[in-house]
N, C-alpha and C. Protein backbone atom coordinates (compact mmCIF):
# COMPACT_ATOMS: atom_id res chain seq x y z
N GLN A 1 -84.78 -35.90 47.71
CA GLN A 1 -84.54 -34.53 47.40
C GLN A 1 -84.14 -34.45 45.96
N ALA A 2 -84.96 -33.81 45.12
CA ALA A 2 -84.62 -33.53 43.66
C ALA A 2 -83.61 -32.55 43.54
N PRO A 3 -82.83 -32.61 42.29
CA PRO A 3 -81.90 -31.69 42.02
C PRO A 3 -82.47 -30.32 41.67
N VAL A 4 -81.77 -29.35 41.91
CA VAL A 4 -82.43 -28.03 41.57
C VAL A 4 -81.53 -27.42 40.51
N ALA A 5 -82.16 -26.79 39.43
CA ALA A 5 -81.41 -26.10 38.44
C ALA A 5 -80.79 -24.73 38.93
N SER A 6 -79.60 -24.56 38.58
CA SER A 6 -78.98 -23.42 38.89
C SER A 6 -79.41 -22.12 38.14
N THR A 7 -79.80 -22.40 36.88
CA THR A 7 -80.34 -21.27 36.11
C THR A 7 -81.67 -21.70 35.43
N LEU A 8 -82.35 -20.68 34.99
CA LEU A 8 -83.68 -21.11 34.29
C LEU A 8 -83.80 -20.02 33.32
N SER A 9 -83.98 -20.58 32.09
CA SER A 9 -84.16 -19.74 30.85
C SER A 9 -85.60 -19.41 30.62
N VAL A 10 -86.03 -18.27 30.43
CA VAL A 10 -87.48 -18.17 30.25
C VAL A 10 -87.62 -17.67 28.72
N PHE A 11 -86.68 -17.81 27.87
CA PHE A 11 -86.77 -17.62 26.53
C PHE A 11 -86.82 -18.92 25.80
N ALA A 12 -87.86 -19.19 24.92
CA ALA A 12 -88.05 -20.40 24.17
C ALA A 12 -87.18 -20.31 23.01
N ASP A 13 -86.74 -21.43 22.42
CA ASP A 13 -86.05 -21.48 21.16
C ASP A 13 -87.19 -21.30 19.90
N VAL A 14 -86.50 -20.47 19.10
CA VAL A 14 -87.51 -20.22 17.78
C VAL A 14 -86.74 -20.60 16.64
N PRO A 15 -87.42 -20.85 15.59
CA PRO A 15 -86.67 -21.17 14.22
C PRO A 15 -86.20 -19.74 13.52
N TYR A 16 -84.96 -19.72 13.13
CA TYR A 16 -84.57 -18.85 12.16
C TYR A 16 -84.13 -19.46 10.79
N SER A 17 -84.22 -18.48 9.72
CA SER A 17 -83.72 -19.10 8.46
C SER A 17 -82.85 -18.04 7.84
N ILE A 18 -81.68 -18.45 7.58
CA ILE A 18 -80.52 -17.60 7.02
C ILE A 18 -80.38 -17.99 5.54
N LEU A 19 -80.22 -17.10 4.63
CA LEU A 19 -79.90 -17.31 3.34
C LEU A 19 -78.60 -16.57 3.16
N VAL A 20 -77.65 -17.46 2.56
CA VAL A 20 -76.23 -17.00 2.32
C VAL A 20 -76.04 -17.06 0.75
N LYS A 21 -75.79 -15.99 0.13
CA LYS A 21 -75.78 -15.91 -1.27
C LYS A 21 -74.22 -15.35 -1.53
N THR A 22 -73.68 -16.25 -2.57
CA THR A 22 -72.44 -15.79 -3.03
C THR A 22 -72.41 -15.40 -4.50
N SER A 23 -71.43 -14.61 -4.99
CA SER A 23 -71.24 -14.06 -6.28
C SER A 23 -70.98 -15.06 -7.19
N ASP A 24 -71.04 -14.90 -8.57
CA ASP A 24 -70.62 -15.72 -9.42
C ASP A 24 -69.21 -15.54 -9.85
N SER A 25 -68.47 -14.76 -9.09
CA SER A 25 -67.11 -14.40 -9.33
C SER A 25 -66.35 -15.61 -9.01
N ASP A 26 -65.14 -15.88 -9.84
CA ASP A 26 -64.34 -17.08 -9.59
C ASP A 26 -64.02 -17.19 -8.01
N ASN A 27 -63.73 -15.98 -7.41
CA ASN A 27 -63.00 -15.93 -6.09
C ASN A 27 -64.22 -15.64 -5.01
N ALA A 28 -65.45 -15.86 -5.45
CA ALA A 28 -66.50 -15.82 -4.31
C ALA A 28 -66.76 -16.91 -3.51
N GLY A 29 -66.26 -18.04 -3.69
CA GLY A 29 -66.40 -19.24 -2.82
C GLY A 29 -65.47 -19.08 -1.67
N SER A 30 -65.87 -19.74 -0.56
CA SER A 30 -65.02 -19.61 0.68
C SER A 30 -64.85 -20.94 1.22
N THR A 31 -63.97 -21.19 2.11
CA THR A 31 -63.74 -22.39 2.70
C THR A 31 -63.47 -22.21 4.39
N GLY A 32 -63.66 -23.07 5.12
CA GLY A 32 -63.71 -22.91 6.54
C GLY A 32 -65.01 -23.01 7.28
N GLY A 33 -64.91 -22.97 8.46
CA GLY A 33 -66.16 -23.03 9.17
C GLY A 33 -66.72 -21.49 9.34
N PHE A 34 -68.07 -21.40 9.34
CA PHE A 34 -68.65 -20.00 9.58
C PHE A 34 -69.73 -20.13 10.63
N SER A 35 -69.80 -19.19 11.48
CA SER A 35 -70.70 -19.03 12.52
C SER A 35 -71.14 -17.73 12.72
N ILE A 36 -72.42 -17.49 13.33
CA ILE A 36 -72.92 -16.04 13.51
C ILE A 36 -73.50 -16.05 14.91
N ASN A 37 -73.75 -14.81 15.22
CA ASN A 37 -74.70 -14.50 16.61
C ASN A 37 -75.73 -13.57 16.08
N ILE A 38 -76.89 -13.88 16.49
CA ILE A 38 -78.02 -13.16 16.19
C ILE A 38 -78.27 -12.16 17.33
N TYR A 39 -78.39 -10.83 17.10
CA TYR A 39 -78.70 -9.86 18.04
C TYR A 39 -80.09 -9.31 18.13
N GLY A 40 -80.72 -9.09 19.11
CA GLY A 40 -82.11 -8.37 19.04
C GLY A 40 -82.51 -7.70 20.41
N THR A 41 -83.57 -7.10 20.55
CA THR A 41 -84.04 -6.26 21.51
C THR A 41 -84.04 -7.05 22.82
N LEU A 42 -83.91 -8.44 22.92
CA LEU A 42 -84.07 -9.34 24.13
C LEU A 42 -82.76 -10.00 24.30
N GLY A 43 -81.80 -9.53 23.68
CA GLY A 43 -80.46 -10.35 23.74
C GLY A 43 -79.88 -10.69 22.52
N VAL A 44 -79.03 -11.82 22.89
CA VAL A 44 -78.34 -12.35 21.79
C VAL A 44 -78.24 -13.82 21.82
N THR A 45 -78.17 -14.57 20.64
CA THR A 45 -78.01 -15.97 20.66
C THR A 45 -76.85 -16.51 21.06
N ARG A 46 -76.55 -17.87 21.32
CA ARG A 46 -75.15 -18.43 21.28
C ARG A 46 -74.61 -18.42 19.91
N THR A 47 -73.44 -18.76 19.78
CA THR A 47 -72.75 -18.74 18.64
C THR A 47 -73.35 -19.89 17.70
N LEU A 48 -73.81 -19.64 16.54
CA LEU A 48 -74.59 -20.62 15.73
C LEU A 48 -73.69 -21.11 14.59
N SER A 49 -73.57 -22.31 14.20
CA SER A 49 -72.64 -22.74 13.15
C SER A 49 -73.60 -22.69 11.76
N LEU A 50 -73.02 -22.10 10.82
CA LEU A 50 -73.73 -21.91 9.47
C LEU A 50 -73.26 -23.03 8.61
N SER A 51 -71.75 -23.20 8.49
CA SER A 51 -71.39 -24.14 7.66
C SER A 51 -70.10 -24.63 7.95
N PRO A 52 -69.81 -25.99 8.17
CA PRO A 52 -68.48 -26.29 8.60
C PRO A 52 -67.47 -26.31 7.46
N GLY A 53 -67.88 -26.36 6.23
CA GLY A 53 -66.82 -26.56 5.21
C GLY A 53 -66.87 -25.36 4.42
N GLY A 54 -67.67 -24.39 4.37
CA GLY A 54 -67.61 -23.06 3.56
C GLY A 54 -68.80 -23.18 2.66
N PHE A 55 -68.70 -22.18 1.51
CA PHE A 55 -69.58 -22.06 0.53
C PHE A 55 -69.06 -21.97 -0.82
N MET A 56 -69.79 -22.62 -1.73
CA MET A 56 -69.38 -22.48 -3.17
C MET A 56 -69.67 -21.06 -3.73
N ASN A 57 -69.07 -20.69 -4.80
CA ASN A 57 -69.33 -19.59 -5.50
C ASN A 57 -70.62 -19.69 -6.31
N ASN A 58 -71.28 -18.73 -6.57
CA ASN A 58 -72.68 -18.62 -7.38
C ASN A 58 -73.64 -19.52 -6.87
N SER A 59 -73.82 -19.47 -5.51
CA SER A 59 -74.93 -20.34 -4.95
C SER A 59 -75.71 -19.63 -3.79
N ASP A 60 -76.85 -20.25 -3.57
CA ASP A 60 -77.72 -19.69 -2.46
C ASP A 60 -77.57 -20.88 -1.41
N HIS A 61 -77.47 -20.66 -0.23
CA HIS A 61 -77.54 -21.71 0.72
C HIS A 61 -78.28 -21.27 1.85
N ARG A 62 -79.44 -22.00 2.13
CA ARG A 62 -80.27 -21.68 3.13
C ARG A 62 -79.97 -22.63 4.33
N VAL A 63 -79.82 -21.90 5.45
CA VAL A 63 -79.60 -22.62 6.82
C VAL A 63 -80.68 -22.37 7.77
N SER A 64 -81.29 -23.37 8.27
CA SER A 64 -82.31 -23.37 9.26
C SER A 64 -81.90 -23.70 10.63
N LEU A 65 -81.99 -22.74 11.60
CA LEU A 65 -81.39 -22.93 12.98
C LEU A 65 -82.55 -22.70 13.96
N GLU A 66 -82.29 -23.12 15.19
CA GLU A 66 -83.06 -22.98 16.26
C GLU A 66 -82.20 -22.42 17.27
N ALA A 67 -82.78 -21.28 18.05
CA ALA A 67 -82.03 -20.59 18.94
C ALA A 67 -82.96 -19.75 19.95
N LYS A 68 -82.46 -19.07 20.76
CA LYS A 68 -83.18 -18.28 21.66
C LYS A 68 -83.88 -17.09 20.92
N ASP A 69 -85.11 -16.89 21.28
CA ASP A 69 -85.77 -15.82 20.73
C ASP A 69 -85.17 -14.48 21.29
N VAL A 70 -84.65 -13.51 20.44
CA VAL A 70 -83.93 -12.39 20.56
C VAL A 70 -84.89 -11.25 20.38
N GLY A 71 -86.06 -11.42 20.17
CA GLY A 71 -87.05 -10.28 19.83
C GLY A 71 -86.78 -9.76 18.50
N GLU A 72 -87.02 -8.39 18.58
CA GLU A 72 -86.85 -7.84 17.15
C GLU A 72 -85.35 -7.63 16.77
N LEU A 73 -85.03 -8.23 15.58
CA LEU A 73 -83.66 -8.22 15.21
C LEU A 73 -82.95 -6.95 15.08
N THR A 74 -81.72 -6.81 15.51
CA THR A 74 -80.95 -5.52 15.43
C THR A 74 -79.77 -5.64 14.60
N LYS A 75 -79.07 -6.85 14.76
CA LYS A 75 -77.91 -7.06 13.86
C LYS A 75 -77.53 -8.43 13.79
N ILE A 76 -76.67 -8.99 12.75
CA ILE A 76 -76.16 -10.34 12.76
C ILE A 76 -74.75 -10.38 12.79
């Protein structure tokens, strides 16, 4: 007898690309861990980690993530 899954996900993971831009102001950097949830017409992703250490000021930081397809984006 084979084990049976208790839940089945019908949504495939899709790639997301997030661009985080910070100002050139001296106080625009940040420390700490940052995470997001992406919301759409088909639901919401799990909590996704953006950066465990923060972001430097005056920088562009691109984060590539894979998560559930939420359809058309409504908010982040």
